[in-house]
N, C-alpha and C. Protein backbone atom coordinates (compact mmCIF):
# COMPACT_ATOMS: atom_id res chain seq x y z
N LEU A 1 -3.99 64.04 -68.99
CA LEU A 1 -4.18 65.31 -69.65
C LEU A 1 -3.59 66.39 -68.76
N LEU A 2 -2.63 67.11 -69.26
CA LEU A 2 -1.97 68.17 -68.50
C LEU A 2 -2.66 69.51 -68.76
N PRO A 3 -2.76 70.36 -67.73
CA PRO A 3 -3.34 71.70 -67.94
C PRO A 3 -2.41 72.56 -68.79
N ASP A 4 -2.99 73.62 -69.40
CA ASP A 4 -2.21 74.52 -70.25
C ASP A 4 -1.25 75.37 -69.43
N ASN A 5 -1.53 75.58 -68.15
CA ASN A 5 -0.72 76.43 -67.29
C ASN A 5 0.25 75.55 -66.49
N PRO A 6 1.55 75.62 -66.75
CA PRO A 6 2.53 74.79 -66.05
C PRO A 6 2.56 75.04 -64.53
N SER A 7 2.08 76.20 -64.05
CA SER A 7 2.07 76.46 -62.62
C SER A 7 1.03 75.59 -61.90
N GLN A 8 0.14 74.96 -62.64
CA GLN A 8 -0.88 74.10 -62.05
C GLN A 8 -0.47 72.62 -62.08
N VAL A 9 0.75 72.36 -62.45
CA VAL A 9 1.25 70.98 -62.50
C VAL A 9 2.08 70.75 -61.26
N GLY A 10 1.87 69.63 -60.62
CA GLY A 10 2.66 69.29 -59.44
C GLY A 10 2.95 67.80 -59.45
N SER A 11 3.91 67.42 -58.64
CA SER A 11 4.23 66.00 -58.53
C SER A 11 4.62 65.72 -57.09
N VAL A 12 4.46 64.50 -56.69
CA VAL A 12 4.80 64.08 -55.34
C VAL A 12 5.27 62.63 -55.39
N SER A 13 6.24 62.32 -54.57
CA SER A 13 6.69 60.93 -54.49
C SER A 13 5.84 60.21 -53.45
N VAL A 14 5.46 59.01 -53.75
CA VAL A 14 4.66 58.19 -52.84
C VAL A 14 5.41 56.90 -52.59
N THR A 15 5.52 56.53 -51.32
CA THR A 15 6.15 55.27 -50.95
C THR A 15 5.08 54.32 -50.45
N VAL A 16 5.08 53.12 -51.00
CA VAL A 16 4.13 52.10 -50.58
C VAL A 16 4.93 51.03 -49.85
N LYS A 17 4.55 50.77 -48.62
CA LYS A 17 5.22 49.75 -47.82
C LYS A 17 4.33 48.51 -47.80
N VAL A 18 4.85 47.40 -48.31
CA VAL A 18 4.10 46.15 -48.31
C VAL A 18 4.55 45.34 -47.11
N LEU A 19 3.60 45.09 -46.22
CA LEU A 19 3.92 44.31 -45.03
C LEU A 19 3.83 42.83 -45.37
N ASP A 20 4.80 42.09 -44.94
CA ASP A 20 4.84 40.66 -45.20
C ASP A 20 4.02 39.95 -44.15
N VAL A 21 2.82 39.53 -44.53
CA VAL A 21 1.91 38.92 -43.57
C VAL A 21 2.08 37.41 -43.52
N ASN A 22 2.29 36.78 -44.65
CA ASN A 22 2.34 35.33 -44.66
C ASN A 22 3.47 34.84 -45.56
N ASP A 23 4.64 34.70 -44.99
CA ASP A 23 5.79 34.16 -45.73
C ASP A 23 5.60 32.70 -46.07
N ASN A 24 5.00 31.97 -45.15
CA ASN A 24 4.95 30.52 -45.26
C ASN A 24 3.51 30.04 -45.34
N ALA A 25 3.24 29.20 -46.30
CA ALA A 25 1.93 28.57 -46.39
C ALA A 25 1.83 27.48 -45.34
N PRO A 26 0.64 27.14 -44.89
CA PRO A 26 0.51 26.02 -43.95
C PRO A 26 1.07 24.75 -44.57
N GLU A 27 1.60 23.89 -43.73
CA GLU A 27 2.18 22.64 -44.20
C GLU A 27 1.96 21.57 -43.14
N PHE A 28 2.05 20.32 -43.55
CA PHE A 28 1.95 19.24 -42.57
C PHE A 28 3.11 19.35 -41.59
N ALA A 29 2.85 18.99 -40.34
CA ALA A 29 3.86 19.07 -39.29
C ALA A 29 5.03 18.13 -39.55
N ARG A 30 4.77 17.05 -40.26
CA ARG A 30 5.83 16.10 -40.63
C ARG A 30 5.36 15.33 -41.85
N PHE A 31 6.20 14.46 -42.36
CA PHE A 31 5.84 13.61 -43.49
C PHE A 31 4.93 12.50 -42.99
N TYR A 32 3.81 12.27 -43.65
CA TYR A 32 2.87 11.22 -43.27
C TYR A 32 2.81 10.18 -44.37
N GLU A 33 2.77 8.93 -43.95
CA GLU A 33 2.57 7.82 -44.87
C GLU A 33 1.64 6.84 -44.17
N ALA A 34 0.47 6.62 -44.73
CA ALA A 34 -0.53 5.77 -44.08
C ALA A 34 -0.65 4.45 -44.83
N PHE A 35 -0.90 3.40 -44.08
CA PHE A 35 -1.11 2.07 -44.63
C PHE A 35 -2.42 1.54 -44.08
N VAL A 36 -3.20 0.90 -44.92
CA VAL A 36 -4.47 0.31 -44.51
C VAL A 36 -4.39 -1.19 -44.74
N CYS A 37 -4.60 -1.95 -43.68
CA CYS A 37 -4.59 -3.40 -43.79
C CYS A 37 -5.88 -3.87 -44.44
N GLU A 38 -5.83 -4.98 -45.13
CA GLU A 38 -7.02 -5.49 -45.81
C GLU A 38 -8.13 -5.89 -44.85
N ASN A 39 -7.78 -6.16 -43.59
CA ASN A 39 -8.81 -6.54 -42.62
C ASN A 39 -9.16 -5.39 -41.68
N ALA A 40 -8.93 -4.15 -42.12
CA ALA A 40 -9.29 -2.98 -41.30
C ALA A 40 -10.80 -2.93 -41.12
N LYS A 41 -11.22 -2.58 -39.93
CA LYS A 41 -12.65 -2.50 -39.59
C LYS A 41 -13.24 -1.15 -40.02
N ALA A 42 -14.52 -1.14 -40.31
CA ALA A 42 -15.22 0.10 -40.64
C ALA A 42 -15.13 1.04 -39.44
N GLY A 43 -14.81 2.30 -39.68
CA GLY A 43 -14.69 3.29 -38.62
C GLY A 43 -13.35 3.29 -37.92
N GLN A 44 -12.45 2.42 -38.31
CA GLN A 44 -11.12 2.34 -37.68
C GLN A 44 -10.29 3.57 -38.05
N LEU A 45 -9.62 4.15 -37.05
CA LEU A 45 -8.74 5.29 -37.29
C LEU A 45 -7.52 4.82 -38.07
N ILE A 46 -7.26 5.48 -39.17
CA ILE A 46 -6.13 5.10 -40.02
C ILE A 46 -4.96 6.04 -39.81
N GLN A 47 -5.21 7.35 -39.76
CA GLN A 47 -4.12 8.32 -39.66
C GLN A 47 -4.62 9.59 -39.00
N THR A 48 -3.81 10.18 -38.14
CA THR A 48 -4.06 11.50 -37.59
C THR A 48 -2.99 12.42 -38.16
N VAL A 49 -3.42 13.54 -38.72
CA VAL A 49 -2.47 14.48 -39.31
C VAL A 49 -2.54 15.81 -38.56
N SER A 50 -1.46 16.55 -38.62
CA SER A 50 -1.37 17.86 -37.98
C SER A 50 -0.63 18.79 -38.93
N ALA A 51 -1.02 20.06 -38.91
CA ALA A 51 -0.39 21.06 -39.77
C ALA A 51 0.14 22.20 -38.92
N ILE A 52 1.06 22.95 -39.49
CA ILE A 52 1.62 24.12 -38.84
C ILE A 52 1.68 25.28 -39.83
N ASP A 53 1.70 26.47 -39.32
CA ASP A 53 1.94 27.67 -40.12
C ASP A 53 3.04 28.42 -39.41
N ARG A 54 4.20 28.47 -40.00
CA ARG A 54 5.37 29.06 -39.34
C ARG A 54 5.24 30.57 -39.11
N ASP A 55 4.20 31.18 -39.68
CA ASP A 55 3.98 32.62 -39.48
C ASP A 55 3.16 32.93 -38.24
N ASP A 56 2.41 31.96 -37.75
CA ASP A 56 1.52 32.20 -36.62
C ASP A 56 2.01 31.48 -35.37
N PRO A 57 1.66 32.01 -34.21
CA PRO A 57 2.03 31.31 -32.97
C PRO A 57 1.27 29.99 -32.85
N GLN A 58 1.88 29.02 -32.23
CA GLN A 58 1.30 27.68 -32.07
C GLN A 58 -0.12 27.73 -31.51
N GLU A 59 -0.35 28.52 -30.48
CA GLU A 59 -1.67 28.54 -29.84
C GLU A 59 -2.73 29.24 -30.69
N GLY A 60 -2.33 29.95 -31.73
CA GLY A 60 -3.28 30.67 -32.56
C GLY A 60 -3.72 29.91 -33.78
N GLN A 61 -3.25 28.68 -33.95
CA GLN A 61 -3.54 27.95 -35.17
C GLN A 61 -4.72 27.00 -35.00
N HIS A 62 -5.56 26.94 -36.01
CA HIS A 62 -6.57 25.89 -36.12
C HIS A 62 -6.84 25.71 -37.60
N PHE A 63 -6.59 24.53 -38.09
CA PHE A 63 -6.76 24.24 -39.50
C PHE A 63 -7.99 23.39 -39.72
N TYR A 64 -8.60 23.55 -40.87
CA TYR A 64 -9.77 22.77 -41.26
C TYR A 64 -9.38 21.93 -42.47
N TYR A 65 -9.72 20.67 -42.42
CA TYR A 65 -9.39 19.74 -43.49
C TYR A 65 -10.67 19.30 -44.18
N SER A 66 -10.55 18.95 -45.44
CA SER A 66 -11.69 18.40 -46.16
C SER A 66 -11.17 17.44 -47.22
N LEU A 67 -12.03 16.50 -47.60
CA LEU A 67 -11.67 15.59 -48.67
C LEU A 67 -11.72 16.33 -49.99
N ALA A 68 -10.94 15.89 -50.94
CA ALA A 68 -10.99 16.46 -52.28
C ALA A 68 -12.39 16.24 -52.85
N PRO A 69 -12.88 17.14 -53.69
CA PRO A 69 -14.25 17.02 -54.22
C PRO A 69 -14.54 15.65 -54.83
N GLU A 70 -13.57 15.07 -55.51
CA GLU A 70 -13.81 13.78 -56.16
C GLU A 70 -13.93 12.63 -55.14
N ALA A 71 -13.47 12.84 -53.90
CA ALA A 71 -13.57 11.81 -52.86
C ALA A 71 -14.66 12.13 -51.84
N ASP A 72 -15.32 13.24 -52.03
CA ASP A 72 -16.29 13.72 -51.04
C ASP A 72 -17.45 12.75 -50.81
N ASN A 73 -17.88 12.06 -51.84
CA ASN A 73 -19.00 11.14 -51.72
C ASN A 73 -18.55 9.69 -51.59
N ASN A 74 -17.29 9.47 -51.34
CA ASN A 74 -16.76 8.12 -51.19
C ASN A 74 -17.05 7.63 -49.77
N PRO A 75 -17.84 6.58 -49.61
CA PRO A 75 -18.19 6.11 -48.26
C PRO A 75 -17.04 5.43 -47.53
N ASN A 76 -15.93 5.21 -48.21
CA ASN A 76 -14.80 4.51 -47.59
C ASN A 76 -13.89 5.41 -46.76
N PHE A 77 -14.03 6.73 -46.91
CA PHE A 77 -13.15 7.64 -46.19
C PHE A 77 -13.96 8.77 -45.56
N THR A 78 -13.63 9.12 -44.33
CA THR A 78 -14.24 10.26 -43.66
C THR A 78 -13.15 11.01 -42.91
N LEU A 79 -13.41 12.26 -42.65
CA LEU A 79 -12.52 13.08 -41.83
C LEU A 79 -13.25 13.47 -40.57
N ARG A 80 -12.51 13.51 -39.46
CA ARG A 80 -13.10 13.95 -38.20
C ARG A 80 -12.17 15.00 -37.61
N ASP A 81 -12.72 16.14 -37.23
CA ASP A 81 -11.94 17.23 -36.64
C ASP A 81 -11.71 16.91 -35.16
N ASN A 82 -10.45 16.81 -34.76
CA ASN A 82 -10.14 16.52 -33.37
C ASN A 82 -9.89 17.80 -32.56
N GLN A 83 -10.30 18.95 -33.13
CA GLN A 83 -10.19 20.27 -32.49
C GLN A 83 -8.75 20.65 -32.18
N GLY A 84 -7.83 20.09 -32.92
CA GLY A 84 -6.41 20.47 -32.79
C GLY A 84 -6.02 21.24 -34.02
N ASN A 85 -4.78 21.10 -34.41
CA ASN A 85 -4.34 21.77 -35.63
C ASN A 85 -4.01 20.74 -36.70
């Protein structure tokens, strides 16, 4: 709604600068392919995975992994955090 008096109308240009914080989503450090032998023992380590985020410095990264909801109650698989990335 504009006022009746044109002298009370003003305009200004506004510049919005969007800072690029995260160009790259986290990704696995390399391609992983795991195989499980039929005689694998309970509790046996099958695969260790590592992730990277190309936007952050190496020492600043720590990723958290979790099983998909549909596998969360599966007693055959567990995840253990090795306090790395």
